[in-house]
């Protein structure tokens, strides 16, 4: 009978260890699932941020095509001054 008792005791110990490991794995699994959920949320937030920045970039690009840059501003100012001088010359010729 002692052999059967040893086998039963050993089997019970093995089952206890397996249950303990199974519980530890369940806890780890829950922690990993929580981490996956947090990372998924972070990815979703970053995707929204990328969409927002892309939209702002497109708007800025469109605005840049409409509004001249600083160099273009100097060129536009030069052209306006040139036209004003020509108008002044025309007015001076008309006054004579």
Foldseek 3Di string as FASTA:
>chain_A
DVVVVVVVVVVVVVVVVVVVVVVVVVVVVVVVVVVVVVVVVVVVVVVVVVVVVVVVVVVVVVVPVVDDDPVVVVVVVVVVVVVVVVVVVVVVVVVD
